[in-house]
Each structure stands twice: as C-alpha cells, then as structure tokens.
Amino acid sequence: MSRHLFKLARAGAPAAILTAALAVPALADDGVSADTVVATVGDVEITIGHVLVARDELPEQFRQLPPETLFQPIVTQLVEQTALMMTGADDIATRDRLRAEHQRRSIISNAVLDQATRGAVTEDSIAAAYDSFVAEFEAVEDPMTEFNASHIIVGTEEEALALRAELDEGADFAELAREHSTDGAAQGGGDLGWFGPGMMIAEFEQAVAAMEVGAIDGPLETQFGWHLIQLNDTRIATAPALEDVREQIIQEIRREVAEAAVADALDAVEVSRSDDAIDPSVLLDPGLLDD
C-alpha cells in the first residue's frame, strides 16, 4: 500500500477520479479537528480523522516521514479509494463484498467491546476482585493439598529396580538422582518443588497422593520413562499473592464486562434465526461465494 501511495504522490491523481478539489487545512490552526473536511468525493467527505487513521496503518518507516511529505499522498489515496468504492461497489464479487461486511462488523464490534472494558480495570476493581477470589478460595470445604516431591527418572525398568534396591539399602535419594536421573531436575537432586492437582501427569499424581511423607515409591512407568518417587512434604494450599494472579484477574474483569456488554447489546435489538434446517456441510463449499 505504501509504495502505491508514494507513487500516487509523485504522479498526481487522475483527473477522472479527483471529483473535488482538495482543501488541505493548516494543521496548526486551532479550529482543526478530526471532523475537518480535506476533500469531498461526490457526497462523501474525507476528514482529518480519515487521514490520521490511514497514516496509523502505514508501515513504521513511512509513519516516521515528515507530515508535509505524507499528507497529500494520503489524501490522494483516500480520494481515489473512495471514488473506486462509490463507482464499483455494486460490481464487486460476492466474496469481496461479504468480506468487506465481515471486516466492518468485526472492527466495530471489537471497538465497542474495547470501549466497554477500557475503564473497567482499575486498582480498586483489581483489589475487589482479588478479595473475592481469596474469599472463595478459603471457603472451599475440601481444601486442595499440594505436594513437594523428588523423583529419579531412567529409561528402563531394570535401571529403576537397581536404583530402588540401593535406596532400600539406605542410599541417598538426591545423590542417586544427580548421578542417574535423566531429566532437568537431576541437578537439584530430583526436586520437583511444590505442585497441586493437575500439574503432573495423572499416574504420577495418583502415586504421590497415595504416599506418606518421607516414603519412596516405584518403579512407576509413565510416558516419560521409569520413576522412583520420594514424597518430601505436603501442605494445604493457600491463595496466591495478588501479584501472582494479577494478570488473570485483569483478564477476568475484562471478560465479565465484555459478556455484560454483549448481553446488553442483544437485549437492545430483536434477533430472529431462520427456522430452515441448514446442512452444516455448506461450510465445506466455498464455491457458493463464486459469481
């Protein structure tokens, strides 16, 4: 787009397309606003706002050019695009017409949602949402247990059985993990840190949940290899700190506001759906858009 824009600027716009004279305002004038008209094409006005939006969509290297270099080429391109739209809109292919309608619908609906959610995220709303989150977390009747465990993982059952025999004879779990374990936790003596339900694969989690603190279990086979497991400790999970869940809370606030905005929009209009049974396989027939 930008190459074409500057080509237009050097060559000048065709007389047949420039249906009205350009009225370029002095940008320093106090009276200039987004609604200030810089050109008209038929009965369609092109404003400073349109020029600013067009500039925003240029690649970064062109946006850095001086305003006096950019202004006229942008206006010229907007005039030509508007003329083409006005004279050719009825003749474009069905696919292109529907794509344009879809893009307009998508842009405007996203802008409405953005406007609705923009002011919803404040420090007060974040704090209130966090307090509610903590209250719900602490009100759970069956609090979640977290586990701290270590493991040794090797490639074969024979290796795991040999290491288990050493452990049963009193060998140090962490030392064996450093020497034999094949995953990234080996350097830390196999320490996996704290984890809760759903953070480990099912068979590993089930084995840990059935263990007593200090016990060793295995060999246990998973998709990753053969494990020996030591349960170091357990604790009842507490609510994470605000900073640890801040982004999730912000996203939840925005989601709730967006859902409310959608519900309000639907309440404000009448919606009807066709009673005709449409075969969903039409989605696989792009030829319907050919004309």
C-alpha atoms as a PDB file:
ATOM      1  CA  MET A   1       0.000   0.000   0.000  1.00  0.00           C
ATOM      2  CA  SER A   2       2.702   2.471   0.948  1.00  0.00           C
ATOM      3  CA  ARG A   3       4.601   2.055  -2.350  1.00  0.00           C
ATOM      4  CA  HIS A   4       1.423   2.780  -4.260  1.00  0.00           C
ATOM      5  CA  LEU A   5       0.708   5.743  -2.014  1.00  0.00           C
ATOM      6  CA  PHE A   6       4.010   7.438  -2.814  1.00  0.00           C
ATOM      7  CA  LYS A   7       3.721   6.566  -6.475  1.00  0.00           C
ATOM      8  CA  LEU A   8       0.420   8.428  -6.477  1.00  0.00           C
ATOM      9  CA  ALA A   9       2.020  11.353  -4.710  1.00  0.00           C
ATOM     10  CA  ARG A  10       4.703  11.769  -7.385  1.00  0.00           C
ATOM     11  CA  ALA A  11       2.469  11.236 -10.393  1.00  0.00           C
ATOM     12  CA  GLY A  12      -0.631  13.076  -9.252  1.00  0.00           C
ATOM     13  CA  ALA A  13      -4.129  11.599  -9.187  1.00  0.00           C
ATOM     14  CA  PRO A  14      -6.075  11.053 -12.405  1.00  0.00           C
ATOM     15  CA  ALA A  15      -8.479  13.874 -13.166  1.00  0.00           C
ATOM     16  CA  ALA A  16     -11.396  11.490 -13.610  1.00  0.00           C
ATOM     17  CA  ILE A  17     -11.022  10.285 -10.025  1.00  0.00           C
ATOM     18  CA  LEU A  18     -10.414  13.624  -8.349  1.00  0.00           C
ATOM     19  CA  THR A  19     -14.016  14.723  -8.423  1.00  0.00           C
ATOM     20  CA  ALA A  20     -13.447  17.529  -5.963  1.00  0.00           C
ATOM     21  CA  ALA A  21     -10.646  19.922  -5.088  1.00  0.00           C
ATOM     22  CA  LEU A  22      -8.516  19.121  -2.079  1.00  0.00           C
ATOM     23  CA  ALA A  23      -8.812  21.576   0.757  1.00  0.00           C
ATOM     24  CA  VAL A  24      -5.761  20.999   2.915  1.00  0.00           C
ATOM     25  CA  PRO A  25      -6.091  22.857   6.220  1.00  0.00           C
ATOM     26  CA  ALA A  26      -3.252  24.411   8.120  1.00  0.00           C
ATOM     27  CA  LEU A  27      -2.667  21.842  10.830  1.00  0.00           C
ATOM     28  CA  ALA A  28      -1.577  24.469  13.316  1.00  0.00           C
ATOM     29  CA  ASP A  29      -4.989  26.168  13.202  1.00  0.00           C
ATOM     30  CA  ASP A  30      -6.894  25.888  16.452  1.00  0.00           C
ATOM     31  CA  GLY A  31     -10.085  25.062  14.542  1.00  0.00           C
ATOM     32  CA  VAL A  32      -8.782  21.808  13.073  1.00  0.00           C
ATOM     33  CA  SER A  33     -10.419  18.644  14.437  1.00  0.00           C
ATOM     34  CA  ALA A  34     -10.956  15.060  13.391  1.00  0.00           C
ATOM     35  CA  ASP A  35     -14.106  16.232  11.562  1.00  0.00           C
ATOM     36  CA  THR A  36     -12.318  18.886   9.473  1.00  0.00           C
ATOM     37  CA  VAL A  37     -13.009  18.093   5.810  1.00  0.00           C
ATOM     38  CA  VAL A  38      -9.992  17.865   3.491  1.00  0.00           C
ATOM     39  CA  ALA A  39     -11.783  16.593   0.370  1.00  0.00           C
ATOM     40  CA  THR A  40     -15.151  15.511  -0.894  1.00  0.00           C
ATOM     41  CA  VAL A  41     -15.819  12.784  -3.427  1.00  0.00           C
ATOM     42  CA  GLY A  42     -19.362  13.057  -4.661  1.00  0.00           C
ATOM     43  CA  ASP A  43     -21.301  13.469  -1.435  1.00  0.00           C
ATOM     44  CA  VAL A  44     -18.713  11.629   0.688  1.00  0.00           C
ATOM     45  CA  GLU A  45     -16.499  13.736   2.927  1.00  0.00           C
ATOM     46  CA  ILE A  46     -12.896  12.818   3.712  1.00  0.00           C
ATOM     47  CA  THR A  47     -11.745  14.272   7.000  1.00  0.00           C
ATOM     48  CA  ILE A  48      -8.607  14.771   9.027  1.00  0.00           C
ATOM     49  CA  GLY A  49      -9.731  11.776  11.080  1.00  0.00           C
ATOM     50  CA  HIS A  50      -9.672   9.569   7.983  1.00  0.00           C
ATOM     51  CA  VAL A  51      -6.181  10.841   7.155  1.00  0.00           C
ATOM     52  CA  LEU A  52      -4.918  10.096  10.677  1.00  0.00           C
ATOM     53  CA  VAL A  53      -6.315   6.559  10.605  1.00  0.00           C
ATOM     54  CA  ALA A  54      -4.755   5.936   7.194  1.00  0.00           C
ATOM     55  CA  ARG A  55      -1.402   7.185   8.497  1.00  0.00           C
ATOM     56  CA  ASP A  56      -1.634   4.874  11.514  1.00  0.00           C
ATOM     57  CA  GLU A  57      -1.937   1.891   9.195  1.00  0.00           C
ATOM     58  CA  LEU A  58       1.243   2.717   7.278  1.00  0.00           C
ATOM     59  CA  PRO A  59       4.422   0.718   7.995  1.00  0.00           C
ATOM     60  CA  GLU A  60       6.599   2.240  10.708  1.00  0.00           C
ATOM     61  CA  GLN A  61       9.261   3.531   8.297  1.00  0.00           C
ATOM     62  CA  PHE A  62       6.668   5.649   6.472  1.00  0.00           C
ATOM     63  CA  ARG A  63       4.992   6.941   9.634  1.00  0.00           C
ATOM     64  CA  GLN A  64       8.338   8.499  10.555  1.00  0.00           C
ATOM     65  CA  LEU A  65       8.372  10.685   7.438  1.00  0.00           C
ATOM     66  CA  PRO A  66       7.636  14.416   7.859  1.00  0.00           C
ATOM     67  CA  PRO A  67       3.929  15.383   7.774  1.00  0.00           C
ATOM     68  CA  GLU A  68       4.463  17.582   4.713  1.00  0.00           C
ATOM     69  CA  THR A  69       5.699  14.514   2.843  1.00  0.00           C
ATOM     70  CA  LEU A  70       2.844  12.267   3.944  1.00  0.00           C
ATOM     71  CA  PHE A  71      -0.212  14.496   3.950  1.00  0.00           C
ATOM     72  CA  GLN A  72      -1.003  14.987   0.248  1.00  0.00           C
ATOM     73  CA  PRO A  73      -0.246  11.382  -0.809  1.00  0.00           C
ATOM     74  CA  ILE A  74      -2.525  10.044   1.922  1.00  0.00           C
ATOM     75  CA  VAL A  75      -5.356  12.374   0.955  1.00  0.00           C
ATOM     76  CA  THR A  76      -4.890  11.488  -2.715  1.00  0.00           C
ATOM     77  CA  GLN A  77      -5.088   7.786  -1.990  1.00  0.00           C
ATOM     78  CA  LEU A  78      -8.199   8.233   0.163  1.00  0.00           C
ATOM     79  CA  VAL A  79      -9.860  10.189  -2.652  1.00  0.00           C
ATOM     80  CA  GLU A  80      -9.056   7.502  -5.203  1.00  0.00           C
ATOM     81  CA  GLN A  81     -10.186   4.689  -2.903  1.00  0.00           C
ATOM     82  CA  THR A  82     -13.452   6.490  -2.178  1.00  0.00           C
ATOM     83  CA  ALA A  83     -14.130   7.072  -5.874  1.00  0.00           C
ATOM     84  CA  LEU A  84     -13.444   3.432  -6.676  1.00  0.00           C
ATOM     85  CA  MET A  85     -15.703   2.337  -3.829  1.00  0.00           C
ATOM     86  CA  MET A  86     -18.533   4.598  -4.976  1.00  0.00           C
ATOM     87  CA  THR A  87     -18.381   3.647  -8.645  1.00  0.00           C
ATOM     88  CA  GLY A  88     -17.599  -0.052  -8.300  1.00  0.00           C
ATOM     89  CA  ALA A  89     -19.281  -1.274  -5.117  1.00  0.00           C
ATOM     90  CA  ASP A  90     -22.188  -2.842  -6.993  1.00  0.00           C
ATOM     91  CA  ASP A  91     -19.922  -4.791  -9.327  1.00  0.00           C
ATOM     92  CA  ILE A  92     -17.512  -6.497  -6.944  1.00  0.00           C
ATOM     93  CA  ALA A  93     -17.602 -10.245  -6.405  1.00  0.00           C
ATOM     94  CA  THR A  94     -19.854 -11.690  -3.720  1.00  0.00           C
ATOM     95  CA  ARG A  95     -16.823 -12.952  -1.816  1.00  0.00           C
ATOM     96  CA  ASP A  96     -15.249  -9.476  -1.682  1.00  0.00           C
ATOM     97  CA  ARG A  97     -18.498  -7.764  -0.696  1.00  0.00           C
ATOM     98  CA  LEU A  98     -19.117 -10.209   2.145  1.00  0.00           C
ATOM     99  CA  ARG A  99     -15.502  -9.973   3.280  1.00  0.00           C
ATOM    100  CA  ALA A 100     -15.828  -6.187   3.499  1.00  0.00           C
ATOM    101  CA  GLU A 101     -19.036  -6.514   5.520  1.00  0.00           C
ATOM    102  CA  HIS A 102     -17.385  -9.036   7.834  1.00  0.00           C
ATOM    103  CA  GLN A 103     -14.350  -6.812   8.411  1.00  0.00           C
ATOM    104  CA  ARG A 104     -16.545  -3.800   9.196  1.00  0.00           C
ATOM    105  CA  ARG A 105     -18.659  -5.844  11.609  1.00  0.00           C
ATOM    106  CA  SER A 106     -15.544  -7.247  13.294  1.00  0.00           C
ATOM    107  CA  ILE A 107     -13.796  -3.873  13.658  1.00  0.00           C
ATOM    108  CA  ILE A 108     -16.833  -2.078  15.065  1.00  0.00           C
ATOM    109  CA  SER A 109     -17.819  -4.864  17.473  1.00  0.00           C
ATOM    110  CA  ASN A 110     -14.259  -5.113  18.781  1.00  0.00           C
ATOM    111  CA  ALA A 111     -14.129  -1.341  19.218  1.00  0.00           C
ATOM    112  CA  VAL A 112     -17.398  -1.393  21.198  1.00  0.00           C
ATOM    113  CA  LEU A 113     -16.059  -4.126  23.482  1.00  0.00           C
ATOM    114  CA  ASP A 114     -12.747  -2.316  23.902  1.00  0.00           C
ATOM    115  CA  GLN A 115     -14.540   0.863  24.897  1.00  0.00           C
ATOM    116  CA  ALA A 116     -16.723  -1.037  27.350  1.00  0.00           C
ATOM    117  CA  THR A 117     -13.774  -2.754  29.036  1.00  0.00           C
ATOM    118  CA  ARG A 118     -11.240   0.090  28.928  1.00  0.00           C
ATOM    119  CA  GLY A 119     -12.372   1.781  32.122  1.00  0.00           C
ATOM    120  CA  ALA A 120     -13.235  -1.395  33.991  1.00  0.00           C
ATOM    121  CA  VAL A 121      -9.699  -2.266  35.059  1.00  0.00           C
ATOM    122  CA  THR A 122      -8.665  -0.048  37.951  1.00  0.00           C
ATOM    123  CA  GLU A 123      -6.654  -0.667  41.089  1.00  0.00           C
ATOM    124  CA  ASP A 124      -9.906  -0.642  43.058  1.00  0.00           C
ATOM    125  CA  SER A 125     -11.591  -3.185  40.776  1.00  0.00           C
ATOM    126  CA  ILE A 126      -8.499  -5.406  40.831  1.00  0.00           C
ATOM    127  CA  ALA A 127      -8.357  -5.280  44.643  1.00  0.00           C
ATOM    128  CA  ALA A 128     -12.079  -6.059  44.940  1.00  0.00           C
ATOM    129  CA  ALA A 129     -11.812  -8.975  42.534  1.00  0.00           C
ATOM    130  CA  TYR A 130      -8.791 -10.340  44.406  1.00  0.00           C
ATOM    131  CA  ASP A 131     -10.604 -10.115  47.753  1.00  0.00           C
ATOM    132  CA  SER A 132     -13.497 -12.054  46.240  1.00  0.00           C
ATOM    133  CA  PHE A 133     -11.085 -14.629  44.829  1.00  0.00           C
ATOM    134  CA  VAL A 134      -9.411 -15.123  48.225  1.00  0.00           C
ATOM    135  CA  ALA A 135     -12.775 -15.458  49.974  1.00  0.00           C
ATOM    136  CA  GLU A 136     -13.894 -18.133  47.532  1.00  0.00           C
ATOM    137  CA  PHE A 137     -10.543 -19.906  47.809  1.00  0.00           C
ATOM    138  CA  GLU A 138     -10.733 -20.047  51.596  1.00  0.00           C
ATOM    139  CA  ALA A 139     -14.394 -21.087  51.627  1.00  0.00           C
ATOM    140  CA  VAL A 140     -13.773 -24.393  49.861  1.00  0.00           C
ATOM    141  CA  GLU A 141     -14.921 -27.248  52.108  1.00  0.00           C
ATOM    142  CA  ASP A 142     -12.277 -29.655  50.842  1.00  0.00           C
ATOM    143  CA  PRO A 143      -9.092 -27.566  50.573  1.00  0.00           C
ATOM    144  CA  MET A 144      -6.556 -28.549  47.967  1.00  0.00           C
ATOM    145  CA  THR A 145      -3.443 -30.417  49.081  1.00  0.00           C
ATOM    146  CA  GLU A 146      -0.124 -29.526  47.485  1.00  0.00           C
ATOM    147  CA  PHE A 147       2.834 -31.881  47.355  1.00  0.00           C
ATOM    148  CA  ASN A 148       6.581 -31.466  47.424  1.00  0.00           C
ATOM    149  CA  ALA A 149       8.295 -34.450  45.832  1.00  0.00           C
ATOM    150  CA  SER A 150      11.521 -35.568  44.203  1.00  0.00           C
ATOM    151  CA  HIS A 151      11.997 -38.191  41.544  1.00  0.00           C
ATOM    152  CA  ILE A 152      14.590 -40.178  39.670  1.00  0.00           C
ATOM    153  CA  ILE A 153      13.706 -40.992  36.075  1.00  0.00           C
ATOM    154  CA  VAL A 154      15.548 -43.550  33.951  1.00  0.00           C
ATOM    155  CA  GLY A 155      14.926 -45.296  30.661  1.00  0.00           C
ATOM    156  CA  THR A 156      14.363 -48.909  31.704  1.00  0.00           C
ATOM    157  CA  GLU A 157      12.672 -50.863  34.465  1.00  0.00           C
ATOM    158  CA  GLU A 158      15.916 -52.730  35.140  1.00  0.00           C
ATOM    159  CA  GLU A 159      17.737 -49.474  35.916  1.00  0.00           C
ATOM    160  CA  ALA A 160      14.892 -48.332  38.152  1.00  0.00           C
ATOM    161  CA  LEU A 161      14.834 -51.635  40.058  1.00  0.00           C
ATOM    162  CA  ALA A 162      18.594 -51.487  40.628  1.00  0.00           C
ATOM    163  CA  LEU A 163      18.332 -47.932  41.988  1.00  0.00           C
ATOM    164  CA  ARG A 164      15.371 -48.901  44.167  1.00  0.00           C
ATOM    165  CA  ALA A 165      17.463 -51.624  45.701  1.00  0.00           C
ATOM    166  CA  GLU A 166      20.154 -49.072  46.559  1.00  0.00           C
ATOM    167  CA  LEU A 167      17.552 -46.789  48.127  1.00  0.00           C
ATOM    168  CA  ASP A 168      16.176 -49.645  50.189  1.00  0.00           C
ATOM    169  CA  GLU A 169      19.707 -50.212  51.490  1.00  0.00           C
ATOM    170  CA  GLY A 170      19.953 -46.596  52.631  1.00  0.00           C
ATOM    171  CA  ALA A 171      21.411 -44.769  49.613  1.00  0.00           C
ATOM    172  CA  ASP A 172      20.753 -41.015  49.477  1.00  0.00           C
ATOM    173  CA  PHE A 173      17.889 -40.216  47.095  1.00  0.00           C
ATOM    174  CA  ALA A 174      19.271 -36.839  45.990  1.00  0.00           C
ATOM    175  CA  GLU A 175      22.734 -38.260  45.274  1.00  0.00           C
ATOM    176  CA  LEU A 176      21.304 -41.050  43.142  1.00  0.00           C
ATOM    177  CA  ALA A 177      19.135 -38.519  41.288  1.00  0.00           C
ATOM    178  CA  ARG A 178      22.155 -36.339  40.492  1.00  0.00           C
ATOM    179  CA  GLU A 179      24.090 -39.348  39.271  1.00  0.00           C
ATOM    180  CA  HIS A 180      21.447 -41.281  37.336  1.00  0.00           C
ATOM    181  CA  SER A 181      18.291 -39.250  36.623  1.00  0.00           C
ATOM    182  CA  THR A 182      17.870 -38.191  33.004  1.00  0.00           C
ATOM    183  CA  ASP A 183      15.730 -35.048  33.290  1.00  0.00           C
ATOM    184  CA  GLY A 184      16.394 -31.411  34.160  1.00  0.00           C
ATOM    185  CA  ALA A 185      15.593 -31.916  37.850  1.00  0.00           C
ATOM    186  CA  ALA A 186      18.631 -34.157  38.295  1.00  0.00           C
ATOM    187  CA  GLN A 187      20.997 -31.303  39.196  1.00  0.00           C
ATOM    188  CA  GLY A 188      18.704 -30.366  42.068  1.00  0.00           C
ATOM    189  CA  GLY A 189      18.657 -33.892  43.441  1.00  0.00           C
ATOM    190  CA  GLY A 190      15.419 -34.661  41.580  1.00  0.00           C
ATOM    191  CA  ASP A 191      13.494 -31.953  43.460  1.00  0.00           C
ATOM    192  CA  LEU A 192      10.228 -31.121  41.653  1.00  0.00           C
ATOM    193  CA  GLY A 193       9.175 -28.390  44.079  1.00  0.00           C
ATOM    194  CA  TRP A 194       5.574 -27.799  45.107  1.00  0.00           C
ATOM    195  CA  PHE A 195       2.730 -28.827  42.832  1.00  0.00           C
ATOM    196  CA  GLY A 196      -1.011 -29.264  43.096  1.00  0.00           C
ATOM    197  CA  PRO A 197      -3.660 -31.345  41.363  1.00  0.00           C
ATOM    198  CA  GLY A 198      -3.477 -31.291  37.582  1.00  0.00           C
ATOM    199  CA  MET A 199       0.125 -30.113  37.400  1.00  0.00           C
ATOM    200  CA  MET A 200       1.614 -33.589  36.901  1.00  0.00           C
ATOM    201  CA  ILE A 201       0.563 -36.435  34.626  1.00  0.00           C
ATOM    202  CA  ALA A 202      -2.245 -38.498  36.113  1.00  0.00           C
ATOM    203  CA  GLU A 203      -0.374 -41.677  37.074  1.00  0.00           C
ATOM    204  CA  PHE A 204       2.432 -39.713  38.761  1.00  0.00           C
ATOM    205  CA  GLU A 205      -0.057 -37.542  40.662  1.00  0.00           C
ATOM    206  CA  GLN A 206      -2.066 -40.572  41.799  1.00  0.00           C
ATOM    207  CA  ALA A 207       1.062 -42.273  43.112  1.00  0.00           C
ATOM    208  CA  VAL A 208       2.159 -39.177  45.058  1.00  0.00           C
ATOM    209  CA  ALA A 209      -1.322 -38.654  46.533  1.00  0.00           C
ATOM    210  CA  ALA A 210      -1.273 -42.178  47.976  1.00  0.00           C
ATOM    211  CA  MET A 211       2.135 -41.798  49.660  1.00  0.00           C
ATOM    212  CA  GLU A 212       3.109 -40.855  53.200  1.00  0.00           C
ATOM    213  CA  VAL A 213       5.596 -38.050  53.791  1.00  0.00           C
ATOM    214  CA  GLY A 214       9.138 -39.476  53.686  1.00  0.00           C
ATOM    215  CA  ALA A 215       8.117 -42.585  51.752  1.00  0.00           C
ATOM    216  CA  ILE A 216       9.668 -43.785  48.485  1.00  0.00           C
ATOM    217  CA  ASP A 217       7.595 -45.364  45.720  1.00  0.00           C
ATOM    218  CA  GLY A 218       8.339 -47.003  42.387  1.00  0.00           C
ATOM    219  CA  PRO A 219       9.404 -48.024  39.927  1.00  0.00           C
ATOM    220  CA  LEU A 220       6.461 -46.306  38.224  1.00  0.00           C
ATOM    221  CA  GLU A 221       6.194 -46.273  34.447  1.00  0.00           C
ATOM    222  CA  THR A 222       4.865 -43.206  32.602  1.00  0.00           C
ATOM    223  CA  GLN A 223       5.168 -41.991  29.038  1.00  0.00           C
ATOM    224  CA  PHE A 224       8.456 -40.325  30.034  1.00  0.00           C
ATOM    225  CA  GLY A 225      10.215 -43.352  31.496  1.00  0.00           C
ATOM    226  CA  TRP A 226      10.564 -45.184  34.814  1.00  0.00           C
ATOM    227  CA  HIS A 227      10.260 -43.132  38.014  1.00  0.00           C
ATOM    228  CA  LEU A 228      11.298 -43.531  41.607  1.00  0.00           C
ATOM    229  CA  ILE A 229       9.438 -41.028  43.793  1.00  0.00           C
ATOM    230  CA  GLN A 230      10.129 -39.563  47.212  1.00  0.00           C
ATOM    231  CA  LEU A 231       7.423 -37.503  48.925  1.00  0.00           C
ATOM    232  CA  ASN A 232       9.150 -34.728  50.855  1.00  0.00           C
ATOM    233  CA  ASP A 233       6.190 -32.849  52.325  1.00  0.00           C
ATOM    234  CA  THR A 234       2.552 -31.835  51.920  1.00  0.00           C
ATOM    235  CA  ARG A 235       0.621 -28.676  52.738  1.00  0.00           C
ATOM    236  CA  ILE A 236      -2.837 -27.180  52.396  1.00  0.00           C
ATOM    237  CA  ALA A 237      -2.822 -24.742  49.502  1.00  0.00           C
ATOM    238  CA  THR A 238      -3.270 -21.057  50.286  1.00  0.00           C
ATOM    239  CA  ALA A 239      -4.460 -18.319  47.955  1.00  0.00           C
ATOM    240  CA  PRO A 240      -1.644 -16.990  45.772  1.00  0.00           C
ATOM    241  CA  ALA A 241      -0.457 -13.413  46.248  1.00  0.00           C
ATOM    242  CA  LEU A 242      -2.158 -10.670  44.253  1.00  0.00           C
ATOM    243  CA  GLU A 243       0.866 -10.066  42.039  1.00  0.00           C
ATOM    244  CA  ASP A 244       0.954 -13.763  41.124  1.00  0.00           C
ATOM    245  CA  VAL A 245      -2.603 -13.671  39.776  1.00  0.00           C
ATOM    246  CA  ARG A 246      -2.861 -10.024  38.758  1.00  0.00           C
ATOM    247  CA  GLU A 247      -2.964 -10.678  35.009  1.00  0.00           C
ATOM    248  CA  GLN A 248      -5.556 -13.444  35.393  1.00  0.00           C
ATOM    249  CA  ILE A 249      -7.730 -11.113  37.475  1.00  0.00           C
ATOM    250  CA  ILE A 250      -7.454  -8.354  34.871  1.00  0.00           C
ATOM    251  CA  GLN A 251      -8.477 -10.775  32.126  1.00  0.00           C
ATOM    252  CA  GLU A 252     -11.407 -12.000  34.239  1.00  0.00           C
ATOM    253  CA  ILE A 253     -12.611  -8.423  34.831  1.00  0.00           C
ATOM    254  CA  ARG A 254     -12.456  -7.710  31.117  1.00  0.00           C
ATOM    255  CA  ARG A 255     -14.232 -10.962  30.294  1.00  0.00           C
ATOM    256  CA  GLU A 256     -17.086 -10.229  32.687  1.00  0.00           C
ATOM    257  CA  VAL A 257     -17.514  -6.674  31.375  1.00  0.00           C
ATOM    258  CA  ALA A 258     -17.404  -7.901  27.776  1.00  0.00           C
ATOM    259  CA  GLU A 259     -20.027 -10.567  28.474  1.00  0.00           C
ATOM    260  CA  ALA A 260     -22.269  -7.936  30.060  1.00  0.00           C
ATOM    261  CA  ALA A 261     -21.799  -5.647  27.053  1.00  0.00           C
ATOM    262  CA  VAL A 262     -22.759  -8.443  24.677  1.00  0.00           C
ATOM    263  CA  ALA A 263     -25.839  -9.271  26.767  1.00  0.00           C
ATOM    264  CA  ASP A 264     -26.894  -5.587  26.813  1.00  0.00           C
ATOM    265  CA  ALA A 265     -26.421  -5.322  23.056  1.00  0.00           C
ATOM    266  CA  LEU A 266     -28.552  -8.403  22.439  1.00  0.00           C
ATOM    267  CA  ASP A 267     -31.256  -7.095  24.766  1.00  0.00           C
ATOM    268  CA  ALA A 268     -31.382  -3.846  22.778  1.00  0.00           C
ATOM    269  CA  VAL A 269     -32.156  -5.496  19.431  1.00  0.00           C
ATOM    270  CA  GLU A 270     -34.574  -8.041  18.054  1.00  0.00           C
ATOM    271  CA  VAL A 271     -32.892 -11.262  16.940  1.00  0.00           C
ATOM    272  CA  SER A 272     -34.533 -13.943  14.844  1.00  0.00           C
ATOM    273  CA  ARG A 273     -32.980 -17.076  13.426  1.00  0.00           C
ATOM    274  CA  SER A 274     -34.111 -18.963  10.358  1.00  0.00           C
ATOM    275  CA  ASP A 275     -36.293 -21.987  11.001  1.00  0.00           C
ATOM    276  CA  ASP A 276     -34.912 -23.632   7.870  1.00  0.00           C
ATOM    277  CA  ALA A 277     -32.622 -26.574   8.531  1.00  0.00           C
ATOM    278  CA  ILE A 278     -29.236 -25.701   7.033  1.00  0.00           C
ATOM    279  CA  ASP A 279     -26.802 -28.552   6.470  1.00  0.00           C
ATOM    280  CA  PRO A 280     -23.555 -27.546   8.249  1.00  0.00           C
ATOM    281  CA  SER A 281     -21.597 -29.126   5.394  1.00  0.00           C
ATOM    282  CA  VAL A 282     -22.165 -25.890   3.447  1.00  0.00           C
ATOM    283  CA  LEU A 283     -19.042 -24.686   5.285  1.00  0.00           C
ATOM    284  CA  LEU A 284     -17.097 -27.017   3.000  1.00  0.00           C
ATOM    285  CA  ASP A 285     -18.488 -25.467  -0.193  1.00  0.00           C
ATOM    286  CA  PRO A 286     -16.556 -22.233  -0.876  1.00  0.00           C
ATOM    287  CA  GLY A 287     -17.950 -22.300  -4.409  1.00  0.00           C
ATOM    288  CA  LEU A 288     -21.118 -20.691  -3.014  1.00  0.00           C
ATOM    289  CA  LEU A 289     -19.192 -17.410  -2.946  1.00  0.00           C
ATOM    290  CA  ASP A 290     -18.212 -17.561  -6.605  1.00  0.00           C
ATOM    291  CA  ASP A 291     -20.196 -15.436  -9.001  1.00  0.00           C
END
